[in-house]
Amino acid sequence: MCVGTAEDAKNQLFNVHKFKNGVDKGFFREADSEIQAAGVAEFFTNLGAKGDDSLKRNADQVYAYKITPNTKQ
C-alpha cells in the first residue's frame, strides 16, 4: 500500500502514480485541513504503508492505493 497527501489527489493518483480506474484498488478523500490529511497518511505509514506523511501546504486531500506492477511510487 502507498499513501500520500496532495492538493489534487485525483491528479496525483492518475497522472503521477499511474493508477488505473477499474484495474487498481485505491481511494482519495478530502480532509478538513492539511494537518488532518497528514495525520491520516501518518497513521497508515505507521502501520507499514509506503509513502509520504509529511505536512504540505494546501495538501488537504489524502490518497492511498495498492501497489501493483503498473503503479509508480
N, C-alpha and C. Protein backbone atom coordinates (compact mmCIF):
# COMPACT_ATOMS: atom_id res chain seq x y z
N MET A 1 0.85 -1.17 0.00
CA MET A 1 0.00 0.00 0.00
C MET A 1 0.89 1.24 0.00
N CYS A 2 0.45 2.25 -0.71
CA CYS A 2 1.15 3.53 -0.75
C CYS A 2 0.15 4.62 -0.40
N VAL A 3 0.57 5.59 0.39
CA VAL A 3 -0.31 6.64 0.86
C VAL A 3 0.40 7.98 0.74
N GLY A 4 -0.39 9.04 0.55
CA GLY A 4 0.19 10.37 0.49
C GLY A 4 -0.87 11.45 0.56
N THR A 5 -0.43 12.68 0.56
CA THR A 5 -1.34 13.82 0.57
C THR A 5 -1.05 14.69 -0.64
N ALA A 6 -2.05 15.44 -1.05
CA ALA A 6 -1.87 16.30 -2.22
C ALA A 6 -2.95 17.38 -2.23
N GLU A 7 -2.68 18.44 -2.96
CA GLU A 7 -3.70 19.47 -3.19
C GLU A 7 -4.76 18.93 -4.15
N ASP A 8 -4.35 18.08 -5.08
CA ASP A 8 -5.25 17.45 -6.04
C ASP A 8 -4.93 15.95 -6.07
N ALA A 9 -5.54 15.21 -5.17
CA ALA A 9 -5.23 13.79 -5.02
C ALA A 9 -5.59 12.98 -6.25
N LYS A 10 -6.66 13.34 -6.94
CA LYS A 10 -7.06 12.61 -8.15
C LYS A 10 -5.96 12.72 -9.20
N ASN A 11 -5.44 13.90 -9.42
CA ASN A 11 -4.34 14.10 -10.37
C ASN A 11 -3.11 13.32 -9.92
N GLN A 12 -2.81 13.36 -8.65
CA GLN A 12 -1.65 12.65 -8.11
C GLN A 12 -1.76 11.14 -8.38
N LEU A 13 -2.93 10.59 -8.11
CA LEU A 13 -3.14 9.16 -8.31
C LEU A 13 -3.02 8.77 -9.78
N PHE A 14 -3.76 9.45 -10.64
CA PHE A 14 -3.86 9.04 -12.03
C PHE A 14 -2.66 9.46 -12.89
N ASN A 15 -2.13 10.64 -12.67
CA ASN A 15 -1.06 11.13 -13.53
C ASN A 15 0.35 10.86 -12.99
N VAL A 16 0.53 10.91 -11.69
CA VAL A 16 1.85 10.69 -11.12
C VAL A 16 2.08 9.20 -10.82
N HIS A 17 1.10 8.57 -10.18
CA HIS A 17 1.27 7.18 -9.76
C HIS A 17 0.73 6.18 -10.79
N LYS A 18 0.16 6.67 -11.88
CA LYS A 18 -0.33 5.83 -12.99
C LYS A 18 -1.40 4.84 -12.56
N PHE A 19 -2.23 5.25 -11.59
CA PHE A 19 -3.36 4.47 -11.11
C PHE A 19 -4.36 4.29 -12.25
N LYS A 20 -4.88 3.07 -12.42
CA LYS A 20 -5.85 2.79 -13.49
C LYS A 20 -7.19 2.46 -12.86
N ASN A 21 -8.19 3.29 -13.14
CA ASN A 21 -9.53 3.10 -12.61
C ASN A 21 -10.11 1.80 -13.14
N GLY A 22 -10.72 1.02 -12.28
CA GLY A 22 -11.30 -0.24 -12.66
C GLY A 22 -10.31 -1.40 -12.66
N VAL A 23 -9.03 -1.09 -12.54
CA VAL A 23 -7.98 -2.11 -12.50
C VAL A 23 -7.32 -2.13 -11.12
N ASP A 24 -6.91 -0.94 -10.66
CA ASP A 24 -6.22 -0.81 -9.38
C ASP A 24 -7.21 -0.51 -8.26
N LYS A 25 -6.78 -0.78 -7.05
CA LYS A 25 -7.61 -0.52 -5.87
C LYS A 25 -7.01 0.64 -5.09
N GLY A 26 -7.86 1.62 -4.78
CA GLY A 26 -7.40 2.77 -4.03
C GLY A 26 -8.52 3.76 -3.81
N PHE A 27 -8.18 4.87 -3.17
CA PHE A 27 -9.17 5.91 -2.89
C PHE A 27 -8.49 7.25 -2.71
N PHE A 28 -9.28 8.31 -2.77
CA PHE A 28 -8.83 9.63 -2.36
C PHE A 28 -10.00 10.34 -1.72
N ARG A 29 -9.70 11.13 -0.70
CA ARG A 29 -10.73 11.86 0.04
C ARG A 29 -10.19 13.22 0.46
N GLU A 30 -11.09 14.17 0.63
CA GLU A 30 -10.71 15.49 1.12
C GLU A 30 -10.83 15.50 2.64
N ALA A 31 -9.80 16.01 3.29
CA ALA A 31 -9.80 16.15 4.74
C ALA A 31 -10.21 17.58 5.10
N ASP A 32 -10.39 17.84 6.38
CA ASP A 32 -10.75 19.18 6.82
C ASP A 32 -9.59 20.16 6.75
N SER A 33 -8.35 19.64 6.75
CA SER A 33 -7.18 20.50 6.73
C SER A 33 -5.95 19.72 6.29
N GLU A 34 -4.87 20.44 6.04
CA GLU A 34 -3.60 19.79 5.70
C GLU A 34 -3.11 18.93 6.86
N ILE A 35 -3.33 19.41 8.07
CA ILE A 35 -2.89 18.69 9.27
C ILE A 35 -3.65 17.37 9.40
N GLN A 36 -4.94 17.40 9.16
CA GLN A 36 -5.73 16.17 9.25
C GLN A 36 -5.32 15.19 8.15
N ALA A 37 -5.10 15.66 6.94
CA ALA A 37 -4.67 14.79 5.83
C ALA A 37 -3.32 14.14 6.17
N ALA A 38 -2.38 14.93 6.68
CA ALA A 38 -1.07 14.39 7.05
C ALA A 38 -1.21 13.38 8.19
N GLY A 39 -2.16 13.60 9.09
CA GLY A 39 -2.40 12.66 10.18
C GLY A 39 -2.91 11.32 9.69
N VAL A 40 -3.79 11.35 8.70
CA VAL A 40 -4.30 10.10 8.11
C VAL A 40 -3.15 9.36 7.42
N ALA A 41 -2.35 10.09 6.64
CA ALA A 41 -1.21 9.47 5.96
C ALA A 41 -0.21 8.90 6.97
N GLU A 42 0.02 9.64 8.05
CA GLU A 42 0.93 9.16 9.09
C GLU A 42 0.40 7.88 9.74
N PHE A 43 -0.89 7.81 9.97
CA PHE A 43 -1.50 6.62 10.55
C PHE A 43 -1.16 5.39 9.72
N PHE A 44 -1.34 5.50 8.40
CA PHE A 44 -1.08 4.36 7.53
C PHE A 44 0.42 4.06 7.38
N THR A 45 1.27 5.08 7.35
CA THR A 45 2.71 4.80 7.26
C THR A 45 3.21 4.15 8.55
N ASN A 46 2.62 4.52 9.68
CA ASN A 46 2.99 3.87 10.94
C ASN A 46 2.59 2.40 10.96
N LEU A 47 1.60 2.04 10.16
CA LEU A 47 1.18 0.65 10.05
C LEU A 47 2.00 -0.12 9.01
N GLY A 48 2.91 0.58 8.33
CA GLY A 48 3.78 -0.08 7.37
C GLY A 48 3.58 0.30 5.92
N ALA A 49 2.62 1.18 5.63
CA ALA A 49 2.41 1.61 4.25
C ALA A 49 3.60 2.44 3.78
N LYS A 50 3.89 2.36 2.50
CA LYS A 50 4.91 3.22 1.91
C LYS A 50 4.27 4.54 1.57
N GLY A 51 5.09 5.57 1.42
CA GLY A 51 4.54 6.86 1.02
C GLY A 51 5.10 8.01 1.82
N ASP A 52 4.39 9.11 1.73
CA ASP A 52 4.84 10.37 2.32
C ASP A 52 3.76 10.88 3.27
N ASP A 53 4.14 11.05 4.54
CA ASP A 53 3.19 11.56 5.52
C ASP A 53 3.55 12.97 5.99
N SER A 54 4.41 13.65 5.24
CA SER A 54 4.83 14.99 5.66
C SER A 54 3.71 16.01 5.42
N LEU A 55 3.74 17.05 6.22
CA LEU A 55 2.76 18.12 6.11
C LEU A 55 3.16 19.02 4.94
N LYS A 56 2.24 19.21 3.99
CA LYS A 56 2.50 20.05 2.82
C LYS A 56 1.44 21.14 2.73
N ARG A 57 1.86 22.32 2.35
CA ARG A 57 0.94 23.45 2.21
C ARG A 57 -0.14 23.12 1.17
N ASN A 58 -1.39 23.37 1.53
CA ASN A 58 -2.58 23.18 0.69
C ASN A 58 -2.86 21.72 0.33
N ALA A 59 -2.16 20.78 0.92
CA ALA A 59 -2.40 19.35 0.64
C ALA A 59 -3.44 18.82 1.61
N ASP A 60 -4.70 19.17 1.36
CA ASP A 60 -5.77 18.77 2.27
C ASP A 60 -6.54 17.55 1.77
N GLN A 61 -5.95 16.81 0.83
CA GLN A 61 -6.54 15.57 0.35
C GLN A 61 -5.56 14.43 0.60
N VAL A 62 -6.11 13.27 0.89
CA VAL A 62 -5.29 12.09 1.14
C VAL A 62 -5.68 11.01 0.14
N TYR A 63 -4.69 10.23 -0.28
CA TYR A 63 -4.97 9.14 -1.21
C TYR A 63 -4.18 7.91 -0.76
N ALA A 64 -4.67 6.76 -1.15
CA ALA A 64 -3.98 5.51 -0.87
C ALA A 64 -4.32 4.53 -1.99
N TYR A 65 -3.37 3.68 -2.31
CA TYR A 65 -3.62 2.68 -3.34
C TYR A 65 -2.74 1.46 -3.10
N LYS A 66 -3.21 0.34 -3.63
CA LYS A 66 -2.45 -0.89 -3.56
C LYS A 66 -1.37 -0.84 -4.63
N ILE A 67 -0.14 -1.07 -4.25
CA ILE A 67 0.98 -1.04 -5.19
C ILE A 67 0.88 -2.28 -6.09
N THR A 68 0.94 -2.05 -7.40
CA THR A 68 0.90 -3.11 -8.39
C THR A 68 2.03 -2.88 -9.39
N PRO A 69 2.28 -3.83 -10.27
CA PRO A 69 3.35 -3.63 -11.26
C PRO A 69 3.15 -2.41 -12.18
N ASN A 70 1.90 -1.99 -12.39
CA ASN A 70 1.67 -0.85 -13.27
C ASN A 70 1.64 0.50 -12.56
N THR A 71 1.64 0.52 -11.21
CA THR A 71 1.64 1.80 -10.50
C THR A 71 3.07 2.22 -10.19
N LYS A 72 3.25 3.52 -10.03
CA LYS A 72 4.56 4.08 -9.68
C LYS A 72 4.48 4.71 -8.30
N GLN A 73 5.53 4.49 -7.51
CA GLN A 73 5.57 5.06 -6.16
C GLN A 73 6.15 6.45 -6.18
